[in-house]
PDB file of N, CA and C in Angstrom:
ATOM      1  N   UNK A   1     120.975  97.173 141.751  1.00  0.00           N
ATOM      2  CA  UNK A   1     121.129  95.851 141.150  1.00  0.00           C
ATOM      3  C   UNK A   1     119.781  95.127 141.200  1.00  0.00           C
ATOM      4  N   UNK A   2     119.361  94.620 140.065  1.00  0.00           N
ATOM      5  CA  UNK A   2     118.066  93.947 140.005  1.00  0.00           C
ATOM      6  C   UNK A   2     118.172  92.556 140.608  1.00  0.00           C
ATOM      7  N   UNK A   3     117.124  92.157 141.303  1.00  0.00           N
ATOM      8  CA  UNK A   3     117.016  90.807 141.834  1.00  0.00           C
ATOM      9  C   UNK A   3     115.610  90.295 141.573  1.00  0.00           C
ATOM     10  N   UNK A   4     115.513  89.022 141.230  1.00  0.00           N
ATOM     11  CA  UNK A   4     114.231  88.367 141.005  1.00  0.00           C
ATOM     12  C   UNK A   4     114.166  87.129 141.888  1.00  0.00           C
ATOM     13  N   UNK A   5     112.998  86.903 142.489  1.00  0.00           N
ATOM     14  CA  UNK A   5     112.829  85.764 143.390  1.00  0.00           C
ATOM     15  C   UNK A   5     111.476  85.112 143.146  1.00  0.00           C
ATOM     16  N   UNK A   6     111.512  83.837 142.753  1.00  0.00           N
ATOM     17  CA  UNK A   6     110.270  83.089 142.555  1.00  0.00           C
ATOM     18  C   UNK A   6     109.757  82.541 143.881  1.00  0.00           C
ATOM     19  N   UNK A   7     108.448  82.422 143.985  1.00  0.00           N
ATOM     20  CA  UNK A   7     107.855  81.781 145.155  1.00  0.00           C
ATOM     21  C   UNK A   7     106.579  81.060 144.733  1.00  0.00           C
ATOM     22  N   UNK A   8     106.309  79.970 145.451  1.00  0.00           N
ATOM     23  CA  UNK A   8     105.123  79.180 145.142  1.00  0.00           C
ATOM     24  C   UNK A   8     105.278  77.776 145.653  1.00  0.00           C
ATOM     25  N   UNK A   9     104.271  76.939 145.443  1.00  0.00           N
ATOM     26  CA  UNK A   9     104.317  75.572 145.962  1.00  0.00           C
ATOM     27  C   UNK A   9     105.285  74.701 145.186  1.00  0.00           C
ATOM     28  N   UNK A  10     105.891  73.763 145.873  1.00  0.00           N
ATOM     29  CA  UNK A  10     106.807  72.854 145.214  1.00  0.00           C
ATOM     30  C   UNK A  10     106.119  71.604 144.675  1.00  0.00           C
ATOM     31  N   UNK A  11     104.946  71.303 145.192  1.00  0.00           N
ATOM     32  CA  UNK A  11     104.228  70.089 144.795  1.00  0.00           C
ATOM     33  C   UNK A  11     102.770  70.452 144.541  1.00  0.00           C
ATOM     34  N   UNK A  12     102.286  70.064 143.372  1.00  0.00           N
ATOM     35  CA  UNK A  12     100.911  70.362 143.002  1.00  0.00           C
ATOM     36  C   UNK A  12     100.291  69.094 142.405  1.00  0.00           C
ATOM     37  N   UNK A  13      99.023  68.886 142.665  1.00  0.00           N
ATOM     38  CA  UNK A  13      98.344  67.699 142.151  1.00  0.00           C
ATOM     39  C   UNK A  13      97.897  67.902 140.696  1.00  0.00           C
ATOM     40  N   UNK A  14      97.861  66.820 139.940  1.00  0.00           N
ATOM     41  CA  UNK A  14      97.377  66.915 138.556  1.00  0.00           C
ATOM     42  C   UNK A  14      95.960  67.478 138.485  1.00  0.00           C
ATOM     43  N   UNK A  15      95.700  68.162 137.405  1.00  0.00           N
ATOM     44  CA  UNK A  15      94.429  68.818 137.062  1.00  0.00           C
ATOM     45  C   UNK A  15      94.243  70.159 137.755  1.00  0.00           C
ATOM     46  N   UNK A  16      95.067  70.452 138.760  1.00  0.00           N
ATOM     47  CA  UNK A  16      94.930  71.725 139.459  1.00  0.00           C
ATOM     48  C   UNK A  16      95.684  72.834 138.733  1.00  0.00           C
ATOM     49  N   UNK A  17      95.635  74.045 139.318  1.00  0.00           N
ATOM     50  CA  UNK A  17      96.298  75.217 138.747  1.00  0.00           C
ATOM     51  C   UNK A  17      97.499  75.617 139.593  1.00  0.00           C
ATOM     52  N   UNK A  18      98.608  75.820 138.913  1.00  0.00           N
ATOM     53  CA  UNK A  18      99.834  76.282 139.565  1.00  0.00           C
ATOM     54  C   UNK A  18      99.846  77.807 139.590  1.00  0.00           C
ATOM     55  N   UNK A  19     100.203  78.356 140.730  1.00  0.00           N
ATOM     56  CA  UNK A  19     100.374  79.806 140.853  1.00  0.00           C
ATOM     57  C   UNK A  19     101.761  80.105 141.404  1.00  0.00           C
ATOM     58  N   UNK A  20     102.521  80.866 140.647  1.00  0.00           N
ATOM     59  CA  UNK A  20     103.863  81.296 141.061  1.00  0.00           C
ATOM     60  C   UNK A  20     103.943  82.814 141.012  1.00  0.00           C
ATOM     61  N   UNK A  21     104.743  83.366 141.898  1.00  0.00           N
ATOM     62  CA  UNK A  21     104.956  84.808 141.935  1.00  0.00           C
ATOM     63  C   UNK A  21     106.438  85.109 141.848  1.00  0.00           C
ATOM     64  N   UNK A  22     106.761  86.166 141.111  1.00  0.00           N
ATOM     65  CA  UNK A  22     108.130  86.658 141.021  1.00  0.00           C
ATOM     66  C   UNK A  22     108.174  88.049 141.640  1.00  0.00           C
ATOM     67  N   UNK A  23     108.985  88.180 142.681  1.00  0.00           N
ATOM     68  CA  UNK A  23     109.160  89.477 143.330  1.00  0.00           C
ATOM     69  C   UNK A  23     110.439  90.114 142.785  1.00  0.00           C
ATOM     70  N   UNK A  24     110.297  91.332 142.287  1.00  0.00           N
ATOM     71  CA  UNK A  24     111.414  92.035 141.655  1.00  0.00           C
ATOM     72  C   UNK A  24     111.863  93.180 142.558  1.00  0.00           C
ATOM     73  N   UNK A  25     113.154  93.307 142.737  1.00  0.00           N
ATOM     74  CA  UNK A  25     113.697  94.434 143.479  1.00  0.00           C
ATOM     75  C   UNK A  25     114.806  95.081 142.654  1.00  0.00           C
ATOM     76  N   UNK A  26     114.980  96.369 142.869  1.00  0.00           N
ATOM     77  CA  UNK A  26     116.054  97.090 142.190  1.00  0.00           C
ATOM     78  C   UNK A  26     115.626  97.823 140.934  1.00  0.00           C
ATOM     79  N   UNK A  27     114.433  97.499 140.426  1.00  0.00           N
ATOM     80  CA  UNK A  27     113.905  98.174 139.245  1.00  0.00           C
ATOM     81  C   UNK A  27     112.404  97.999 139.245  1.00  0.00           C
ATOM     82  N   UNK A  28     111.696  98.988 138.735  1.00  0.00           N
ATOM     83  CA  UNK A  28     110.249  98.873 138.655  1.00  0.00           C
ATOM     84  C   UNK A  28     109.840  98.035 137.452  1.00  0.00           C
ATOM     85  N   UNK A  29     108.848  97.169 137.641  1.00  0.00           N
ATOM     86  CA  UNK A  29     108.370  96.355 136.523  1.00  0.00           C
ATOM     87  C   UNK A  29     107.577  97.194 135.526  1.00  0.00           C
ATOM     88  N   UNK A  30     107.338  98.460 135.845  1.00  0.00           N
ATOM     89  CA  UNK A  30     106.665  99.361 134.909  1.00  0.00           C
ATOM     90  C   UNK A  30     107.671 100.167 134.081  1.00  0.00           C
ATOM     91  N   UNK A  31     108.961  99.931 134.301  1.00  0.00           N
ATOM     92  CA  UNK A  31     109.977 100.599 133.487  1.00  0.00           C
ATOM     93  C   UNK A  31     109.834 100.173 132.037  1.00  0.00           C
ATOM     94  N   UNK A  32     109.813 101.133 131.124  1.00  0.00           N
ATOM     95  CA  UNK A  32     109.624 100.782 129.714  1.00  0.00           C
ATOM     96  C   UNK A  32     110.874 100.209 129.058  1.00  0.00           C
ATOM     97  N   UNK A  33     111.913  99.973 129.843  1.00  0.00           N
ATOM     98  CA  UNK A  33     113.145  99.385 129.300  1.00  0.00           C
ATOM     99  C   UNK A  33     113.082  97.856 129.254  1.00  0.00           C
ATOM    100  N   UNK A  34     112.130  97.272 129.984  1.00  0.00           N
ATOM    101  CA  UNK A  34     112.173  95.823 130.179  1.00  0.00           C
ATOM    102  C   UNK A  34     110.809  95.169 130.027  1.00  0.00           C
ATOM    103  N   UNK A  35     110.871  93.844 129.814  1.00  0.00           N
ATOM    104  CA  UNK A  35     109.685  92.995 129.876  1.00  0.00           C
ATOM    105  C   UNK A  35     110.022  91.831 130.800  1.00  0.00           C
ATOM    106  N   UNK A  36     108.989  91.150 131.283  1.00  0.00           N
ATOM    107  CA  UNK A  36     109.185  90.167 132.357  1.00  0.00           C
ATOM    108  C   UNK A  36     108.557  88.836 131.956  1.00  0.00           C
ATOM    109  N   UNK A  37     109.416  87.805 131.944  1.00  0.00           N
ATOM    110  CA  UNK A  37     109.009  86.511 131.399  1.00  0.00           C
ATOM    111  C   UNK A  37     109.024  85.406 132.437  1.00  0.00           C
ATOM    112  N   UNK A  38     108.267  84.361 132.114  1.00  0.00           N
ATOM    113  CA  UNK A  38     108.359  83.080 132.797  1.00  0.00           C
ATOM    114  C   UNK A  38     108.933  82.056 131.813  1.00  0.00           C
ATOM    115  N   UNK A  39     109.871  81.277 132.312  1.00  0.00           N
ATOM    116  CA  UNK A  39     110.583  80.268 131.524  1.00  0.00           C
ATOM    117  C   UNK A  39     110.689  79.026 132.391  1.00  0.00           C
ATOM    118  N   UNK A  40     110.590  77.853 131.782  1.00  0.00           N
ATOM    119  CA  UNK A  40     110.711  76.625 132.570  1.00  0.00           C
ATOM    120  C   UNK A  40     111.662  75.639 131.899  1.00  0.00           C
ATOM    121  N   UNK A  41     112.147  74.709 132.695  1.00  0.00           N
ATOM    122  CA  UNK A  41     113.026  73.664 132.185  1.00  0.00           C
ATOM    123  C   UNK A  41     112.625  72.330 132.783  1.00  0.00           C
ATOM    124  N   UNK A  42     111.965  71.491 132.011  1.00  0.00           N
ATOM    125  CA  UNK A  42     111.638  70.144 132.490  1.00  0.00           C
ATOM    126  C   UNK A  42     112.908  69.320 132.667  1.00  0.00           C
ATOM    127  N   UNK A  43     112.861  68.290 133.486  1.00  0.00           N
ATOM    128  CA  UNK A  43     114.062  67.480 133.713  1.00  0.00           C
ATOM    129  C   UNK A  43     114.570  66.871 132.417  1.00  0.00           C
ATOM    130  N   UNK A  44     115.835  67.047 132.161  1.00  0.00           N
ATOM    131  CA  UNK A  44     116.473  66.473 130.989  1.00  0.00           C
ATOM    132  C   UNK A  44     116.167  67.167 129.677  1.00  0.00           C
ATOM    133  N   UNK A  45     115.480  68.322 129.745  1.00  0.00           N
ATOM    134  CA  UNK A  45     115.107  69.036 128.527  1.00  0.00           C
ATOM    135  C   UNK A  45     115.633  70.468 128.555  1.00  0.00           C
ATOM    136  N   UNK A  46     115.434  71.174 127.471  1.00  0.00           N
ATOM    137  CA  UNK A  46     115.902  72.547 127.371  1.00  0.00           C
ATOM    138  C   UNK A  46     114.923  73.553 127.958  1.00  0.00           C
ATOM    139  N   UNK A  47     115.317  74.799 127.885  1.00  0.00           N
ATOM    140  CA  UNK A  47     114.474  75.871 128.392  1.00  0.00           C
ATOM    141  C   UNK A  47     113.280  76.094 127.470  1.00  0.00           C
ATOM    142  N   UNK A  48     112.139  76.385 128.093  1.00  0.00           N
ATOM    143  CA  UNK A  48     110.918  76.663 127.339  1.00  0.00           C
ATOM    144  C   UNK A  48     110.350  77.994 127.807  1.00  0.00           C
ATOM    145  N   UNK A  49     110.282  78.966 126.897  1.00  0.00           N
ATOM    146  CA  UNK A  49     109.676  80.246 127.232  1.00  0.00           C
ATOM    147  C   UNK A  49     108.166  80.076 127.306  1.00  0.00           C
ATOM    148  N   UNK A  50     107.571  80.603 128.383  1.00  0.00           N
ATOM    149  CA  UNK A  50     106.144  80.405 128.602  1.00  0.00           C
ATOM    150  C   UNK A  50     105.314  81.641 128.248  1.00  0.00           C
ATOM    151  N   UNK A  51     105.850  82.796 128.592  1.00  0.00           N
ATOM    152  CA  UNK A  51     105.083  84.002 128.321  1.00  0.00           C
ATOM    153  C   UNK A  51     105.743  85.211 128.939  1.00  0.00           C
ATOM    154  N   UNK A  52     105.201  86.392 128.621  1.00  0.00           N
ATOM    155  CA  UNK A  52     105.801  87.662 129.037  1.00  0.00           C
ATOM    156  C   UNK A  52     104.713  88.670 129.376  1.00  0.00           C
ATOM    157  N   UNK A  53     105.054  89.549 130.314  1.00  0.00           N
ATOM    158  CA  UNK A  53     104.220  90.711 130.581  1.00  0.00           C
ATOM    159  C   UNK A  53     105.102  91.942 130.404  1.00  0.00           C
ATOM    160  N   UNK A  54     104.632  92.861 129.607  1.00  0.00           N
ATOM    161  CA  UNK A  54     105.420  94.052 129.287  1.00  0.00           C
ATOM    162  C   UNK A  54     105.205  95.138 130.339  1.00  0.00           C
ATOM    163  N   UNK A  55     105.945  96.237 130.173  1.00  0.00           N
ATOM    164  CA  UNK A  55     105.892  97.332 131.145  1.00  0.00           C
ATOM    165  C   UNK A  55     104.492  97.942 131.254  1.00  0.00           C
ATOM    166  N   UNK A  56     103.724  97.822 130.173  1.00  0.00           N
ATOM    167  CA  UNK A  56     102.380  98.416 130.166  1.00  0.00           C
ATOM    168  C   UNK A  56     101.293  97.421 130.543  1.00  0.00           C
ATOM    169  N   UNK A  57     101.691  96.217 130.923  1.00  0.00           N
ATOM    170  CA  UNK A  57     100.733  95.196 131.335  1.00  0.00           C
ATOM    171  C   UNK A  57     100.244  94.305 130.221  1.00  0.00           C
ATOM    172  N   UNK A  58     100.647  94.563 128.999  1.00  0.00           N
ATOM    173  CA  UNK A  58     100.266  93.684 127.897  1.00  0.00           C
ATOM    174  C   UNK A  58     101.005  92.358 128.010  1.00  0.00           C
ATOM    175  N   UNK A  59     100.399  91.297 127.474  1.00  0.00           N
ATOM    176  CA  UNK A  59     100.965  89.963 127.627  1.00  0.00           C
ATOM    177  C   UNK A  59     101.073  89.243 126.284  1.00  0.00           C
ATOM    178  N   UNK A  60     101.947  88.259 126.254  1.00  0.00           N
ATOM    179  CA  UNK A  60     102.108  87.395 125.098  1.00  0.00           C
ATOM    180  C   UNK A  60     102.508  86.026 125.610  1.00  0.00           C
ATOM    181  N   UNK A  61     102.040  84.986 124.921  1.00  0.00           N
ATOM    182  CA  UNK A  61     102.257  83.634 125.415  1.00  0.00           C
ATOM    183  C   UNK A  61     102.803  82.710 124.332  1.00  0.00           C
ATOM    184  N   UNK A  62     103.511  81.680 124.804  1.00  0.00           N
ATOM    185  CA  UNK A  62     103.914  80.599 123.927  1.00  0.00           C
ATOM    186  C   UNK A  62     102.634  79.944 123.392  1.00  0.00           C
ATOM    187  N   UNK A  63     102.496  79.840 122.075  1.00  0.00           N
ATOM    188  CA  UNK A  63     101.260  79.270 121.531  1.00  0.00           C
ATOM    189  C   UNK A  63     100.940  77.872 122.063  1.00  0.00           C
ATOM    190  N   UNK A  64     101.977  77.108 122.357  1.00  0.00           N
ATOM    191  CA  UNK A  64     101.746  75.741 122.842  1.00  0.00           C
ATOM    192  C   UNK A  64     101.169  75.703 124.251  1.00  0.00           C
ATOM    193  N   UNK A  65     101.262  76.818 124.975  1.00  0.00           N
ATOM    194  CA  UNK A  65     100.789  76.872 126.357  1.00  0.00           C
ATOM    195  C   UNK A  65      99.690  77.909 126.558  1.00  0.00           C
ATOM    196  N   UNK A  66      99.365  78.635 125.516  1.00  0.00           N
ATOM    197  CA  UNK A  66      98.510  79.812 125.641  1.00  0.00           C
ATOM    198  C   UNK A  66      97.158  79.507 126.284  1.00  0.00           C
ATOM    199  N   UNK A  67      96.583  78.347 125.949  1.00  0.00           N
ATOM    200  CA  UNK A  67      95.247  78.035 126.463  1.00  0.00           C
ATOM    201  C   UNK A  67      95.243  77.770 127.964  1.00  0.00           C
ATOM    202  N   UNK A  68      96.432  77.509 128.537  1.00  0.00           N
ATOM    203  CA  UNK A  68      96.508  77.159 129.965  1.00  0.00           C
ATOM    204  C   UNK A  68      97.254  78.184 130.811  1.00  0.00           C
ATOM    205  N   UNK A  69      97.753  79.242 130.172  1.00  0.00           N
ATOM    206  CA  UNK A  69      98.670  80.156 130.865  1.00  0.00           C
ATOM    207  C   UNK A  69      98.085  81.549 131.015  1.00  0.00           C
ATOM    208  N   UNK A  70      98.340  82.147 132.158  1.00  0.00           N
ATOM    209  CA  UNK A  70      97.962  83.540 132.386  1.00  0.00           C
ATOM    210  C   UNK A  70      99.064  84.206 133.212  1.00  0.00           C
ATOM    211  N   UNK A  71      99.470  85.389 132.765  1.00  0.00           N
ATOM    212  CA  UNK A  71     100.474  86.166 133.504  1.00  0.00           C
ATOM    213  C   UNK A  71      99.844  87.499 133.893  1.00  0.00           C
ATOM    214  N   UNK A  72     100.011  87.866 135.141  1.00  0.00           N
ATOM    215  CA  UNK A  72      99.452  89.115 135.653  1.00  0.00           C
ATOM    216  C   UNK A  72     100.494  89.815 136.516  1.00  0.00           C
ATOM    217  N   UNK A  73     100.150  90.984 137.024  1.00  0.00           N
ATOM    218  CA  UNK A  73     101.112  91.712 137.837  1.00  0.00           C
ATOM    219  C   UNK A  73     100.416  92.486 138.943  1.00  0.00           C
ATOM    220  N   UNK A  74     101.187  92.818 139.970  1.00  0.00           N
ATOM    221  CA  UNK A  74     100.762  93.705 141.047  1.00  0.00           C
ATOM    222  C   UNK A  74     101.825  94.784 141.147  1.00  0.00           C
ATOM    223  N   UNK A  75     101.558  95.921 140.554  1.00  0.00           N
ATOM    224  CA  UNK A  75     102.570  96.969 140.514  1.00  0.00           C
ATOM    225  C   UNK A  75     102.843  97.548 141.901  1.00  0.00           C
ATOM    226  N   UNK A  76     101.871  97.478 142.792  1.00  0.00           N
ATOM    227  CA  UNK A  76     102.071  98.019 144.146  1.00  0.00           C
ATOM    228  C   UNK A  76     103.101  97.205 144.918  1.00  0.00           C
ATOM    229  N   UNK A  77     103.243  95.923 144.554  1.00  0.00           N
ATOM    230  CA  UNK A  77     104.217  95.043 145.210  1.00  0.00           C
ATOM    231  C   UNK A  77     105.424  94.772 144.321  1.00  0.00           C
ATOM    232  N   UNK A  78     105.408  95.314 143.110  1.00  0.00           N
ATOM    233  CA  UNK A  78     106.472  95.058 142.134  1.00  0.00           C
ATOM    234  C   UNK A  78     106.651  93.552 141.901  1.00  0.00           C
ATOM    235  N   UNK A  79     105.531  92.901 141.666  1.00  0.00           N
ATOM    236  CA  UNK A  79     105.511  91.450 141.448  1.00  0.00           C
ATOM    237  C   UNK A  79     104.754  91.134 140.156  1.00  0.00           C
ATOM    238  N   UNK A  80     105.139  90.030 139.539  1.00  0.00           N
ATOM    239  CA  UNK A  80     104.328  89.478 138.467  1.00  0.00           C
ATOM    240  C   UNK A  80     104.154  87.989 138.711  1.00  0.00           C
ATOM    241  N   UNK A  81     103.067  87.447 138.201  1.00  0.00           N
ATOM    242  CA  UNK A  81     102.662  86.100 138.572  1.00  0.00           C
ATOM    243  C   UNK A  81     102.321  85.259 137.356  1.00  0.00           C
ATOM    244  N   UNK A  82     102.437  83.953 137.545  1.00  0.00           N
ATOM    245  CA  UNK A  82     102.109  82.957 136.520  1.00  0.00           C
ATOM    246  C   UNK A  82     101.015  82.056 137.067  1.00  0.00           C
ATOM    247  N   UNK A  83     100.022  81.796 136.241  1.00  0.00           N
ATOM    248  CA  UNK A  83      99.056  80.742 136.537  1.00  0.00           C
ATOM    249  C   UNK A  83      99.056  79.768 135.369  1.00  0.00           C
ATOM    250  N   UNK A  84      99.186  78.486 135.679  1.00  0.00           N
ATOM    251  CA  UNK A  84      99.187  77.428 134.677  1.00  0.00           C
ATOM    252  C   UNK A  84      98.139  76.407 135.101  1.00  0.00           C
ATOM    253  N   UNK A  85      97.145  76.218 134.282  1.00  0.00           N
ATOM    254  CA  UNK A  85      96.001  75.384 134.660  1.00  0.00           C
ATOM    255  C   UNK A  85      96.109  73.978 134.072  1.00  0.00           C
ATOM    256  N   UNK A  86      95.208  73.131 134.513  1.00  0.00           N
ATOM    257  CA  UNK A  86      95.085  71.756 133.998  1.00  0.00           C
ATOM    258  C   UNK A  86      96.423  71.035 134.001  1.00  0.00           C
ATOM    259  N   UNK A  87      97.075  71.053 135.132  1.00  0.00           N
ATOM    260  CA  UNK A  87      98.423  70.499 135.239  1.00  0.00           C
ATOM    261  C   UNK A  87      98.452  68.993 134.976  1.00  0.00           C
ATOM    262  N   UNK A  88      99.544  68.559 134.367  1.00  0.00           N
ATOM    263  CA  UNK A  88      99.861  67.148 134.194  1.00  0.00           C
ATOM    264  C   UNK A  88     101.287  66.926 134.675  1.00  0.00           C
ATOM    265  N   UNK A  89     101.706  65.677 134.853  1.00  0.00           N
ATOM    266  CA  UNK A  89     103.090  65.427 135.269  1.00  0.00           C
ATOM    267  C   UNK A  89     104.115  66.017 134.300  1.00  0.00           C
ATOM    268  N   UNK A  90     103.726  66.220 133.045  1.00  0.00           N
ATOM    269  CA  UNK A  90     104.643  66.818 132.071  1.00  0.00           C
ATOM    270  C   UNK A  90     104.953  68.286 132.366  1.00  0.00           C
ATOM    271  N   UNK A  91     104.206  68.884 133.270  1.00  0.00           N
ATOM    272  CA  UNK A  91     104.487  70.257 133.687  1.00  0.00           C
ATOM    273  C   UNK A  91     105.529  70.322 134.805  1.00  0.00           C
ATOM    274  N   UNK A  92     105.995  69.179 135.260  1.00  0.00           N
ATOM    275  CA  UNK A  92     107.070  69.150 136.244  1.00  0.00           C
ATOM    276  C   UNK A  92     108.318  69.785 135.646  1.00  0.00           C
ATOM    277  N   UNK A  93     108.850  70.777 136.355  1.00  0.00           N
ATOM    278  CA  UNK A  93     109.989  71.536 135.808  1.00  0.00           C
ATOM    279  C   UNK A  93     110.526  72.482 136.869  1.00  0.00           C
ATOM    280  N   UNK A  94     111.687  73.043 136.570  1.00  0.00           N
ATOM    281  CA  UNK A  94     112.156  74.208 137.312  1.00  0.00           C
ATOM    282  C   UNK A  94     111.610  75.441 136.589  1.00  0.00           C
ATOM    283  N   UNK A  95     110.943  76.294 137.340  1.00  0.00           N
ATOM    284  CA  UNK A  95     110.320  77.489 136.774  1.00  0.00           C
ATOM    285  C   UNK A  95     111.149  78.713 137.158  1.00  0.00           C
ATOM    286  N   UNK A  96     111.449  79.523 136.145  1.00  0.00           N
ATOM    287  CA  UNK A  96     112.250  80.733 136.335  1.00  0.00           C
ATOM    288  C   UNK A  96     111.450  81.968 135.922  1.00  0.00           C
ATOM    289  N   UNK A  97     111.693  83.065 136.619  1.00  0.00           N
ATOM    290  CA  UNK A  97     111.276  84.360 136.101  1.00  0.00           C
ATOM    291  C   UNK A  97     112.539  85.087 135.649  1.00  0.00           C
ATOM    292  N   UNK A  98     112.374  85.933 134.639  1.00  0.00           N
ATOM    293  CA  UNK A  98     113.538  86.576 134.044  1.00  0.00           C
ATOM    294  C   UNK A  98     113.173  87.941 133.489  1.00  0.00           C
ATOM    295  N   UNK A  99     114.164  88.809 133.427  1.00  0.00           N
ATOM    296  CA  UNK A  99     113.993  90.133 132.847  1.00  0.00           C
ATOM    297  C   UNK A  99     114.453  90.109 131.403  1.00  0.00           C
ATOM    298  N   UNK A 100     113.580  90.546 130.518  1.00  0.00           N
ATOM    299  CA  UNK A 100     113.908  90.573 129.105  1.00  0.00           C
ATOM    300  C   UNK A 100     114.402  91.933 128.669  1.00  0.00           C
ATOM    301  N   UNK A 101     115.413  91.901 127.805  1.00  0.00           N
ATOM    302  CA  UNK A 101     115.995  93.136 127.278  1.00  0.00           C
ATOM    303  C   UNK A 101     115.927  93.176 125.758  1.00  0.00           C
ATOM    304  N   UNK A 102     115.269  92.265 125.171  1.00  0.00           N
ATOM    305  CA  UNK A 102     115.089  92.192 123.730  1.00  0.00           C
ATOM    306  C   UNK A 102     114.457  90.853 123.399  1.00  0.00           C
ATOM    307  N   UNK A 103     114.198  90.635 122.141  1.00  0.00           N
ATOM    308  CA  UNK A 103     113.558  89.371 121.736  1.00  0.00           C
ATOM    309  C   UNK A 103     114.487  88.207 122.054  1.00  0.00           C
ATOM    310  N   UNK A 104     114.038  87.341 122.937  1.00  0.00           N
ATOM    311  CA  UNK A 104     114.833  86.173 123.287  1.00  0.00           C
ATOM    312  C   UNK A 104     116.068  86.456 124.103  1.00  0.00           C
ATOM    313  N   UNK A 105     116.184  87.665 124.632  1.00  0.00           N
ATOM    314  CA  UNK A 105     117.364  88.049 125.401  1.00  0.00           C
ATOM    315  C   UNK A 105     116.971  88.381 126.834  1.00  0.00           C
ATOM    316  N   UNK A 106     117.626  87.728 127.780  1.00  0.00           N
ATOM    317  CA  UNK A 106     117.322  87.912 129.199  1.00  0.00           C
ATOM    318  C   UNK A 106     118.624  88.194 129.938  1.00  0.00           C
ATOM    319  N   UNK A 107     118.615  89.242 130.745  1.00  0.00           N
ATOM    320  CA  UNK A 107     119.867  89.597 131.412  1.00  0.00           C
ATOM    321  C   UNK A 107     119.853  89.344 132.910  1.00  0.00           C
ATOM    322  N   UNK A 108     118.701  89.028 133.475  1.00  0.00           N
ATOM    323  CA  UNK A 108     118.628  88.730 134.902  1.00  0.00           C
ATOM    324  C   UNK A 108     117.591  87.636 135.118  1.00  0.00           C
ATOM    325  N   UNK A 109     117.946  86.686 135.996  1.00  0.00           N
ATOM    326  CA  UNK A 109     117.093  85.532 136.258  1.00  0.00           C
ATOM    327  C   UNK A 109     116.912  85.354 137.753  1.00  0.00           C
ATOM    328  N   UNK A 110     115.761  84.790 138.119  1.00  0.00           N
ATOM    329  CA  UNK A 110     115.615  84.286 139.468  1.00  0.00           C
ATOM    330  C   UNK A 110     116.389  82.989 139.615  1.00  0.00           C
ATOM    331  N   UNK A 111     116.466  82.497 140.843  1.00  0.00           N
ATOM    332  CA  UNK A 111     117.222  81.268 141.089  1.00  0.00           C
ATOM    333  C   UNK A 111     116.477  80.035 140.603  1.00  0.00           C
ATOM    334  N   UNK A 112     115.183  80.161 140.341  1.00  0.00           N
ATOM    335  CA  UNK A 112     114.380  79.033 139.894  1.00  0.00           C
ATOM    336  C   UNK A 112     113.708  78.334 141.061  1.00  0.00           C
ATOM    337  N   UNK A 113     112.548  77.786 140.790  1.00  0.00           N
ATOM    338  CA  UNK A 113     111.826  77.032 141.802  1.00  0.00           C
ATOM    339  C   UNK A 113     111.339  75.718 141.200  1.00  0.00           C
ATOM    340  N   UNK A 114     111.611  74.638 141.891  1.00  0.00           N
ATOM    341  CA  UNK A 114     111.204  73.313 141.416  1.00  0.00           C
ATOM    342  C   UNK A 114     109.717  73.115 141.674  1.00  0.00           C
ATOM    343  N   UNK A 115     109.006  72.724 140.632  1.00  0.00           N
ATOM    344  CA  UNK A 115     107.595  72.385 140.760  1.00  0.00           C
ATOM    345  C   UNK A 115     107.405  70.954 140.286  1.00  0.00           C
ATOM    346  N   UNK A 116     106.834  70.141 141.129  1.00  0.00           N
ATOM    347  CA  UNK A 116     106.550  68.747 140.785  1.00  0.00           C
ATOM    348  C   UNK A 116     105.039  68.557 140.767  1.00  0.00           C
ATOM    349  N   UNK A 117     104.554  67.974 139.669  1.00  0.00           N
ATOM    350  CA  UNK A 117     103.130  67.681 139.541  1.00  0.00           C
ATOM    351  C   UNK A 117     102.942  66.191 139.759  1.00  0.00           C
ATOM    352  N   UNK A 118     102.315  65.858 140.851  1.00  0.00           N
ATOM    353  CA  UNK A 118     102.164  64.454 141.218  1.00  0.00           C
ATOM    354  C   UNK A 118     101.020  64.310 142.206  1.00  0.00           C
ATOM    355  N   UNK A 119     100.345  63.182 142.099  1.00  0.00           N
ATOM    356  CA  UNK A 119      99.275  62.903 143.055  1.00  0.00           C
ATOM    357  C   UNK A 119      99.827  62.232 144.304  1.00  0.00           C
TER     358      UNK A 119
END
């Protein structure tokens, strides 16, 4: 059974860079059956897909966030990570990692981690 767990700071100051890690268990992130995404939900708003890293390490990003977003992985730890730079309070959200099984389709999610951007 696959499990995903986000980890990272809950409070970050504006202008800094957020770093989050998703630890995956139960399946290898190098399996060619899946891709691995970061998704966020600001308070009172809908889900926003941020980007994905595929089984081969290739990446794709939401165009609205592309200039500030980087997704990487550590296959030895079966983890993938998100970096979001130049933070503003508008980046305050619950951040999720998820397993993708097709375009816009996710079958497993982490529990989510609250990130607040505030001085």
